PDB file of N, CA and C in Angstrom:
ATOM      1  N   MET A   1     -23.844 -59.874 -15.575  1.00  0.00           N
ATOM      2  CA  MET A   1     -24.209 -59.563 -14.173  1.00  0.00           C
ATOM      3  C   MET A   1     -24.245 -61.361 -14.040  1.00  0.00           C
ATOM      4  N   LYS A   2     -24.930 -62.264 -13.940  1.00  0.00           N
ATOM      5  CA  LYS A   2     -24.485 -63.211 -13.696  1.00  0.00           C
ATOM      6  C   LYS A   2     -22.983 -64.056 -13.293  1.00  0.00           C
ATOM      7  N   LYS A   3     -22.601 -63.757 -14.306  1.00  0.00           N
ATOM      8  CA  LYS A   3     -20.800 -64.173 -14.275  1.00  0.00           C
ATOM      9  C   LYS A   3     -20.305 -63.168 -13.805  1.00  0.00           C
ATOM     10  N   THR A   4     -20.136 -62.208 -13.800  1.00  0.00           N
ATOM     11  CA  THR A   4     -19.656 -61.139 -12.347  1.00  0.00           C
ATOM     12  C   THR A   4     -19.836 -61.828 -10.988  1.00  0.00           C
ATOM     13  N   ILE A   5     -21.114 -62.684 -10.547  1.00  0.00           N
ATOM     14  CA  ILE A   5     -21.788 -62.673  -9.500  1.00  0.00           C
ATOM     15  C   ILE A   5     -20.739 -63.666  -9.279  1.00  0.00           C
ATOM     16  N   ILE A   6     -20.776 -64.832 -10.067  1.00  0.00           N
ATOM     17  CA  ILE A   6     -20.490 -66.044 -10.148  1.00  0.00           C
ATOM     18  C   ILE A   6     -19.070 -66.357  -9.472  1.00  0.00           C
ATOM     19  N   PHE A   7     -18.543 -65.350 -10.851  1.00  0.00           N
ATOM     20  CA  PHE A   7     -16.792 -65.192 -10.584  1.00  0.00           C
ATOM     21  C   PHE A   7     -16.554 -64.458  -9.023  1.00  0.00           C
ATOM     22  N   LEU A   8     -16.820 -63.542  -8.940  1.00  0.00           N
ATOM     23  CA  LEU A   8     -16.589 -63.048  -7.349  1.00  0.00           C
ATOM     24  C   LEU A   8     -16.979 -64.109  -6.341  1.00  0.00           C
ATOM     25  N   LEU A   9     -18.002 -65.083  -6.568  1.00  0.00           N
ATOM     26  CA  LEU A   9     -17.983 -65.560  -5.059  1.00  0.00           C
ATOM     27  C   LEU A   9     -17.230 -66.895  -5.369  1.00  0.00           C
ATOM     28  N   ALA A  10     -16.797 -67.531  -6.655  1.00  0.00           N
ATOM     29  CA  ALA A  10     -15.912 -68.464  -6.560  1.00  0.00           C
ATOM     30  C   ALA A  10     -14.148 -67.785  -6.080  1.00  0.00           C
ATOM     31  N   THR A  11     -13.915 -66.873  -6.388  1.00  0.00           N
ATOM     32  CA  THR A  11     -13.083 -65.710  -5.738  1.00  0.00           C
ATOM     33  C   THR A  11     -12.727 -65.879  -4.385  1.00  0.00           C
ATOM     34  N   LEU A  12     -14.019 -65.369  -3.965  1.00  0.00           N
ATOM     35  CA  LEU A  12     -13.937 -66.013  -2.509  1.00  0.00           C
ATOM     36  C   LEU A  12     -14.068 -66.945  -1.709  1.00  0.00           C
ATOM     37  N   CYS A  13     -14.224 -67.738  -2.871  1.00  0.00           N
ATOM     38  CA  CYS A  13     -14.532 -69.401  -1.933  1.00  0.00           C
ATOM     39  C   CYS A  13     -12.936 -69.577  -1.761  1.00  0.00           C
ATOM     40  N   LEU A  14     -12.252 -69.348  -3.373  1.00  0.00           N
ATOM     41  CA  LEU A  14     -10.821 -70.394  -3.373  1.00  0.00           C
ATOM     42  C   LEU A  14      -9.920 -69.136  -2.416  1.00  0.00           C
ATOM     43  N   SER A  15      -9.963 -67.993  -1.788  1.00  0.00           N
ATOM     44  CA  SER A  15      -9.357 -67.032  -0.843  1.00  0.00           C
ATOM     45  C   SER A  15      -9.905 -67.959   0.243  1.00  0.00           C
ATOM     46  N   PHE A  16     -10.729 -68.153   0.632  1.00  0.00           N
ATOM     47  CA  PHE A  16     -10.577 -68.234   2.171  1.00  0.00           C
ATOM     48  C   PHE A  16     -10.746 -69.606   1.994  1.00  0.00           C
ATOM     49  N   ALA A  17     -10.202 -70.709   1.069  1.00  0.00           N
ATOM     50  CA  ALA A  17      -9.812 -71.664   0.881  1.00  0.00           C
ATOM     51  C   ALA A  17      -8.389 -71.981   1.205  1.00  0.00           C
ATOM     52  N   LEU A  18      -7.247 -71.014   0.424  1.00  0.00           N
ATOM     53  CA  LEU A  18      -6.186 -70.366   0.667  1.00  0.00           C
ATOM     54  C   LEU A  18      -5.471 -69.897   2.025  1.00  0.00           C
ATOM     55  N   PHE A  19      -6.907 -68.697   2.628  1.00  0.00           N
ATOM     56  CA  PHE A  19      -6.626 -68.664   4.062  1.00  0.00           C
ATOM     57  C   PHE A  19      -5.906 -69.946   5.386  1.00  0.00           C
ATOM     58  N   ALA A  20      -7.437 -70.730   4.829  1.00  0.00           N
ATOM     59  CA  ALA A  20      -7.527 -71.578   5.729  1.00  0.00           C
ATOM     60  C   ALA A  20      -5.880 -72.385   5.988  1.00  0.00           C
ATOM     61  N   LYS A  21      -6.083 -73.083   4.823  1.00  0.00           N
ATOM     62  CA  LYS A  21      -4.516 -73.608   4.316  1.00  0.00           C
ATOM     63  C   LYS A  21      -3.727 -72.734   4.958  1.00  0.00           C
ATOM     64  N   ASN A  22      -3.291 -71.662   4.694  1.00  0.00           N
ATOM     65  CA  ASN A  22      -2.235 -70.632   5.139  1.00  0.00           C
ATOM     66  C   ASN A  22      -2.319 -70.574   7.010  1.00  0.00           C
ATOM     67  N   ARG A  23      -3.366 -70.913   7.248  1.00  0.00           N
ATOM     68  CA  ARG A  23      -3.563 -70.212   8.646  1.00  0.00           C
ATOM     69  C   ARG A  23      -3.305 -71.815   9.598  1.00  0.00           C
ATOM     70  N   SER A  24      -3.531 -72.907   9.039  1.00  0.00           N
ATOM     71  CA  SER A  24      -3.226 -74.297   9.566  1.00  0.00           C
ATOM     72  C   SER A  24      -1.437 -74.180   9.497  1.00  0.00           C
ATOM     73  N   THR A  25      -1.387 -73.605   8.445  1.00  0.00           N
ATOM     74  CA  THR A  25       0.655 -73.612   8.716  1.00  0.00           C
ATOM     75  C   THR A  25       0.678 -73.053   9.466  1.00  0.00           C
ATOM     76  N   LEU A  26       0.255 -71.673   9.631  1.00  0.00           N
ATOM     77  CA  LEU A  26       0.819 -70.307  10.719  1.00  0.00           C
ATOM     78  C   LEU A  26       0.903 -71.399  12.546  1.00  0.00           C
ATOM     79  N   ASP A  27       0.107 -72.226  12.013  1.00  0.00           N
ATOM     80  CA  ASP A  27      -0.513 -72.232  13.630  1.00  0.00           C
ATOM     81  C   ASP A  27       0.707 -73.467  13.690  1.00  0.00           C
ATOM     82  N   PHE A  28       1.142 -74.470  13.238  1.00  0.00           N
ATOM     83  CA  PHE A  28       2.246 -74.983  12.965  1.00  0.00           C
ATOM     84  C   PHE A  28       3.240 -74.301  12.979  1.00  0.00           C
ATOM     85  N   LYS A  29       4.022 -73.170  12.497  1.00  0.00           N
ATOM     86  CA  LYS A  29       4.711 -72.132  12.726  1.00  0.00           C
ATOM     87  C   LYS A  29       4.768 -71.637  13.955  1.00  0.00           C
ATOM     88  N   SER A  30       3.553 -71.350  14.762  1.00  0.00           N
ATOM     89  CA  SER A  30       3.416 -70.804  15.863  1.00  0.00           C
ATOM     90  C   SER A  30       4.100 -72.146  17.106  1.00  0.00           C
ATOM     91  N   THR A  31       4.375 -72.990  16.811  1.00  0.00           N
ATOM     92  CA  THR A  31       4.671 -73.896  17.596  1.00  0.00           C
ATOM     93  C   THR A  31       6.239 -74.619  17.370  1.00  0.00           C
ATOM     94  N   ALA A  32       6.865 -74.210  15.939  1.00  0.00           N
ATOM     95  CA  ALA A  32       8.048 -73.933  15.835  1.00  0.00           C
ATOM     96  C   ALA A  32       8.620 -73.212  17.049  1.00  0.00           C
ATOM     97  N   LEU A  33       9.245 -73.409  18.022  1.00  0.00           N
ATOM     98  CA  LEU A  33       9.682 -72.187  18.844  1.00  0.00           C
ATOM     99  C   LEU A  33      11.414 -72.346  19.066  1.00  0.00           C
ATOM    100  N   PRO A  34      11.517 -71.539  19.241  1.00  0.00           N
ATOM    101  CA  PRO A  34      12.981 -71.094  19.547  1.00  0.00           C
ATOM    102  C   PRO A  34      13.931 -71.690  20.313  1.00  0.00           C
ATOM    103  N   THR A  35      15.081 -71.878  19.914  1.00  0.00           N
ATOM    104  CA  THR A  35      15.576 -72.832  20.840  1.00  0.00           C
ATOM    105  C   THR A  35      16.518 -72.090  21.853  1.00  0.00           C
ATOM    106  N   ASP A  36      16.834 -72.297  23.268  1.00  0.00           N
ATOM    107  CA  ASP A  36      18.177 -72.257  24.164  1.00  0.00           C
ATOM    108  C   ASP A  36      18.666 -73.274  24.758  1.00  0.00           C
ATOM    109  N   THR A  37      20.039 -72.803  25.275  1.00  0.00           N
ATOM    110  CA  THR A  37      20.819 -73.708  26.124  1.00  0.00           C
ATOM    111  C   THR A  37      20.188 -74.000  27.175  1.00  0.00           C
ATOM    112  N   LEU A  38      20.208 -75.469  27.811  1.00  0.00           N
ATOM    113  CA  LEU A  38      19.644 -75.815  28.449  1.00  0.00           C
ATOM    114  C   LEU A  38      20.403 -75.066  30.544  1.00  0.00           C
ATOM    115  N   LYS A  39      19.645 -74.539  30.734  1.00  0.00           N
ATOM    116  CA  LYS A  39      20.902 -73.837  32.087  1.00  0.00           C
ATOM    117  C   LYS A  39      21.096 -74.988  33.202  1.00  0.00           C
ATOM    118  N   LYS A  40      20.087 -75.835  33.356  1.00  0.00           N
ATOM    119  CA  LYS A  40      20.045 -76.251  34.515  1.00  0.00           C
ATOM    120  C   LYS A  40      19.411 -77.878  34.340  1.00  0.00           C
ATOM    121  N   ASP A  41      20.248 -78.750  35.189  1.00  0.00           N
ATOM    122  CA  ASP A  41      19.730 -79.986  34.897  1.00  0.00           C
ATOM    123  C   ASP A  41      18.077 -80.539  34.707  1.00  0.00           C
ATOM    124  N   SER A  42      17.693 -80.897  33.637  1.00  0.00           N
ATOM    125  CA  SER A  42      16.207 -81.275  34.248  1.00  0.00           C
ATOM    126  C   SER A  42      15.442 -82.384  33.324  1.00  0.00           C
ATOM    127  N   THR A  43      14.320 -82.843  33.078  1.00  0.00           N
ATOM    128  CA  THR A  43      13.450 -83.631  33.167  1.00  0.00           C
ATOM    129  C   THR A  43      12.925 -83.530  31.232  1.00  0.00           C
ATOM    130  N   ASP A  44      13.446 -84.228  30.629  1.00  0.00           N
ATOM    131  CA  ASP A  44      12.510 -84.366  29.429  1.00  0.00           C
ATOM    132  C   ASP A  44      10.803 -84.059  29.352  1.00  0.00           C
ATOM    133  N   PRO A  45      10.361 -83.319  29.039  1.00  0.00           N
ATOM    134  CA  PRO A  45       8.383 -83.820  29.154  1.00  0.00           C
ATOM    135  C   PRO A  45       7.953 -84.401  28.644  1.00  0.00           C
ATOM    136  N   VAL A  46       8.298 -85.223  27.492  1.00  0.00           N
ATOM    137  CA  VAL A  46       7.797 -86.036  26.762  1.00  0.00           C
ATOM    138  C   VAL A  46       8.045 -87.349  27.153  1.00  0.00           C
ATOM    139  N   CYS A  47       9.482 -88.251  27.572  1.00  0.00           N
ATOM    140  CA  CYS A  47       9.350 -89.072  28.027  1.00  0.00           C
ATOM    141  C   CYS A  47      10.063 -89.166  29.126  1.00  0.00           C
ATOM    142  N   GLY A  48       9.868 -88.257  29.966  1.00  0.00           N
ATOM    143  CA  GLY A  48      10.687 -88.761  31.427  1.00  0.00           C
ATOM    144  C   GLY A  48      12.522 -88.630  32.013  1.00  0.00           C
ATOM    145  N   MET A  49      13.105 -88.867  30.584  1.00  0.00           N
ATOM    146  CA  MET A  49      14.178 -89.167  30.932  1.00  0.00           C
ATOM    147  C   MET A  49      15.186 -87.707  31.423  1.00  0.00           C
ATOM    148  N   LYS A  50      15.949 -87.905  32.283  1.00  0.00           N
ATOM    149  CA  LYS A  50      17.543 -87.014  32.768  1.00  0.00           C
ATOM    150  C   LYS A  50      17.803 -86.130  31.444  1.00  0.00           C
ATOM    151  N   VAL A  51      17.802 -84.630  31.723  1.00  0.00           N
ATOM    152  CA  VAL A  51      18.752 -83.857  30.114  1.00  0.00           C
ATOM    153  C   VAL A  51      19.543 -83.090  31.479  1.00  0.00           C
ATOM    154  N   LYS A  52      21.051 -83.198  30.292  1.00  0.00           N
ATOM    155  CA  LYS A  52      21.555 -82.742  31.637  1.00  0.00           C
ATOM    156  C   LYS A  52      21.982 -81.043  30.812  1.00  0.00           C
ATOM    157  N   ALA A  53      22.376 -80.177  32.082  1.00  0.00           N
ATOM    158  CA  ALA A  53      22.717 -78.811  31.484  1.00  0.00           C
ATOM    159  C   ALA A  53      23.567 -78.579  30.598  1.00  0.00           C
ATOM    160  N   GLY A  54      23.559 -77.376  29.124  1.00  0.00           N
ATOM    161  CA  GLY A  54      24.175 -77.479  28.397  1.00  0.00           C
ATOM    162  C   GLY A  54      23.377 -77.983  27.198  1.00  0.00           C
ATOM    163  N   SER A  55      22.619 -78.977  27.766  1.00  0.00           N
ATOM    164  CA  SER A  55      22.091 -79.762  26.163  1.00  0.00           C
ATOM    165  C   SER A  55      21.419 -78.106  25.397  1.00  0.00           C
ATOM    166  N   ASN A  56      21.396 -78.451  24.187  1.00  0.00           N
ATOM    167  CA  ASN A  56      21.277 -77.279  23.271  1.00  0.00           C
ATOM    168  C   ASN A  56      19.994 -77.826  22.446  1.00  0.00           C
ATOM    169  N   ARG A  57      19.786 -79.119  22.964  1.00  0.00           N
ATOM    170  CA  ARG A  57      18.500 -79.717  21.948  1.00  0.00           C
ATOM    171  C   ARG A  57      17.199 -79.611  23.038  1.00  0.00           C
ATOM    172  N   THR A  58      16.756 -78.186  22.775  1.00  0.00           N
ATOM    173  CA  THR A  58      15.461 -76.963  23.690  1.00  0.00           C
ATOM    174  C   THR A  58      14.660 -76.436  22.759  1.00  0.00           C
ATOM    175  N   ILE A  59      13.335 -76.240  23.447  1.00  0.00           N
ATOM    176  CA  ILE A  59      12.650 -75.196  23.480  1.00  0.00           C
ATOM    177  C   ILE A  59      12.168 -74.313  23.828  1.00  0.00           C
ATOM    178  N   LEU A  60      11.797 -73.185  24.049  1.00  0.00           N
ATOM    179  CA  LEU A  60      11.641 -71.842  24.652  1.00  0.00           C
ATOM    180  C   LEU A  60       9.934 -72.026  24.303  1.00  0.00           C
ATOM    181  N   TYR A  61       9.353 -72.233  25.216  1.00  0.00           N
ATOM    182  CA  TYR A  61       7.997 -72.123  25.157  1.00  0.00           C
ATOM    183  C   TYR A  61       7.446 -71.252  26.472  1.00  0.00           C
ATOM    184  N   GLN A  62       6.342 -70.450  26.543  1.00  0.00           N
ATOM    185  CA  GLN A  62       6.155 -70.023  27.754  1.00  0.00           C
ATOM    186  C   GLN A  62       7.394 -68.937  28.410  1.00  0.00           C
ATOM    187  N   LYS A  63       8.125 -68.896  27.693  1.00  0.00           N
ATOM    188  CA  LYS A  63       8.994 -68.144  28.833  1.00  0.00           C
ATOM    189  C   LYS A  63      10.209 -69.138  30.096  1.00  0.00           C
ATOM    190  N   THR A  64       9.739 -70.311  29.009  1.00  0.00           N
ATOM    191  CA  THR A  64      10.429 -72.062  29.635  1.00  0.00           C
ATOM    192  C   THR A  64      11.271 -72.248  28.983  1.00  0.00           C
ATOM    193  N   VAL A  65      12.245 -72.810  29.343  1.00  0.00           N
ATOM    194  CA  VAL A  65      12.933 -73.362  28.528  1.00  0.00           C
ATOM    195  C   VAL A  65      12.476 -74.858  28.546  1.00  0.00           C
ATOM    196  N   PHE A  66      12.318 -76.000  28.176  1.00  0.00           N
ATOM    197  CA  PHE A  66      12.264 -77.389  27.850  1.00  0.00           C
ATOM    198  C   PHE A  66      13.531 -77.790  27.566  1.00  0.00           C
ATOM    199  N   GLY A  67      14.221 -79.139  28.049  1.00  0.00           N
ATOM    200  CA  GLY A  67      15.452 -79.756  27.650  1.00  0.00           C
ATOM    201  C   GLY A  67      14.866 -80.940  26.898  1.00  0.00           C
ATOM    202  N   PHE A  68      15.108 -81.939  26.106  1.00  0.00           N
ATOM    203  CA  PHE A  68      14.931 -83.400  25.288  1.00  0.00           C
ATOM    204  C   PHE A  68      16.141 -83.804  25.088  1.00  0.00           C
ATOM    205  N   CYS A  69      15.732 -85.092  25.495  1.00  0.00           N
ATOM    206  CA  CYS A  69      16.629 -86.694  25.153  1.00  0.00           C
ATOM    207  C   CYS A  69      16.754 -86.906  23.720  1.00  0.00           C
ATOM    208  N   SER A  70      16.252 -86.226  22.599  1.00  0.00           N
ATOM    209  CA  SER A  70      16.235 -86.939  22.067  1.00  0.00           C
ATOM    210  C   SER A  70      15.691 -85.833  20.515  1.00  0.00           C
ATOM    211  N   GLU A  71      15.799 -85.790  19.560  1.00  0.00           N
ATOM    212  CA  GLU A  71      15.112 -84.787  18.696  1.00  0.00           C
ATOM    213  C   GLU A  71      13.933 -85.311  18.430  1.00  0.00           C
ATOM    214  N   SER A  72      13.646 -86.812  18.358  1.00  0.00           N
ATOM    215  CA  SER A  72      12.018 -87.245  18.027  1.00  0.00           C
ATOM    216  C   SER A  72      11.296 -86.460  19.646  1.00  0.00           C
ATOM    217  N   CYS A  73      11.368 -86.566  20.424  1.00  0.00           N
ATOM    218  CA  CYS A  73      10.737 -86.288  21.760  1.00  0.00           C
ATOM    219  C   CYS A  73      10.835 -84.723  21.479  1.00  0.00           C
ATOM    220  N   LYS A  74      12.007 -83.302  21.109  1.00  0.00           N
ATOM    221  CA  LYS A  74      11.735 -82.587  21.320  1.00  0.00           C
ATOM    222  C   LYS A  74      10.189 -82.169  19.652  1.00  0.00           C
ATOM    223  N   LYS A  75      10.479 -83.248  18.846  1.00  0.00           N
ATOM    224  CA  LYS A  75       9.838 -82.437  17.854  1.00  0.00           C
ATOM    225  C   LYS A  75       7.731 -83.072  18.341  1.00  0.00           C
ATOM    226  N   ARG A  76       7.925 -84.348  19.131  1.00  0.00           N
ATOM    227  CA  ARG A  76       6.708 -84.698  19.479  1.00  0.00           C
ATOM    228  C   ARG A  76       6.131 -83.192  20.729  1.00  0.00           C
ATOM    229  N   PHE A  77       7.048 -82.817  21.184  1.00  0.00           N
ATOM    230  CA  PHE A  77       6.810 -81.386  21.852  1.00  0.00           C
ATOM    231  C   PHE A  77       6.580 -80.721  21.036  1.00  0.00           C
ATOM    232  N   SER A  78       7.140 -80.106  20.023  1.00  0.00           N
ATOM    233  CA  SER A  78       7.098 -78.715  19.360  1.00  0.00           C
ATOM    234  C   SER A  78       5.589 -78.887  18.921  1.00  0.00           C
ATOM    235  N   GLN A  79       4.697 -80.102  18.342  1.00  0.00           N
ATOM    236  CA  GLN A  79       3.863 -80.149  17.260  1.00  0.00           C
ATOM    237  C   GLN A  79       2.771 -80.029  18.592  1.00  0.00           C
ATOM    238  N   GLU A  80       2.769 -80.266  19.880  1.00  0.00           N
ATOM    239  CA  GLU A  80       1.845 -80.359  20.675  1.00  0.00           C
ATOM    240  C   GLU A  80       2.459 -80.132  22.272  1.00  0.00           C
ATOM    241  N   PRO A  81       2.264 -78.982  22.689  1.00  0.00           N
ATOM    242  CA  PRO A  81       3.361 -78.354  23.616  1.00  0.00           C
ATOM    243  C   PRO A  81       2.580 -78.510  24.720  1.00  0.00           C
ATOM    244  N   LYS A  82       1.555 -78.510  24.366  1.00  0.00           N
ATOM    245  CA  LYS A  82       0.390 -77.942  25.844  1.00  0.00           C
ATOM    246  C   LYS A  82      -0.148 -79.674  26.294  1.00  0.00           C
ATOM    247  N   LYS A  83       0.158 -80.738  25.413  1.00  0.00           N
ATOM    248  CA  LYS A  83      -0.162 -82.027  26.018  1.00  0.00           C
ATOM    249  C   LYS A  83       0.738 -82.583  26.814  1.00  0.00           C
ATOM    250  N   TYR A  84       2.220 -81.681  27.031  1.00  0.00           N
ATOM    251  CA  TYR A  84       3.212 -82.548  27.994  1.00  0.00           C
ATOM    252  C   TYR A  84       3.387 -81.009  28.652  1.00  0.00           C
ATOM    253  N   ILE A  85       2.800 -80.377  29.202  1.00  0.00           N
ATOM    254  CA  ILE A  85       3.004 -79.071  30.587  1.00  0.00           C
ATOM    255  C   ILE A  85       1.732 -80.023  31.096  1.00  0.00           C
ATOM    256  N   LYS A  86       2.254 -79.733  32.302  1.00  0.00           N
ATOM    257  CA  LYS A  86       1.435 -79.682  33.561  1.00  0.00           C
ATOM    258  C   LYS A  86       1.023 -78.450  34.111  1.00  0.00           C
ATOM    259  N   ASN A  87      -0.305 -78.506  34.319  1.00  0.00           N
ATOM    260  CA  ASN A  87      -0.727 -77.567  34.679  1.00  0.00           C
ATOM    261  C   ASN A  87      -0.227 -77.195  36.404  1.00  0.00           C
TER     262      ASN A  87
END
């Protein structure tokens, strides 16, 4: 009986650990956002540089298309979009 309880507790702990690991992966995936073509000239929310219309270096976030001057700015934004959006 004790072995069964210990086995169940160990299984539960392992399941929780795997869930927590997958949850952090899911949180990252939720910020890996879809892209679109920039419809009008814009400003990169990360560094403030101008981005011309037609750029496909974009991310769609909260129904708004954000354009980026570089892949590194796009990546930084995708990891923490709320940090770069002014409310």
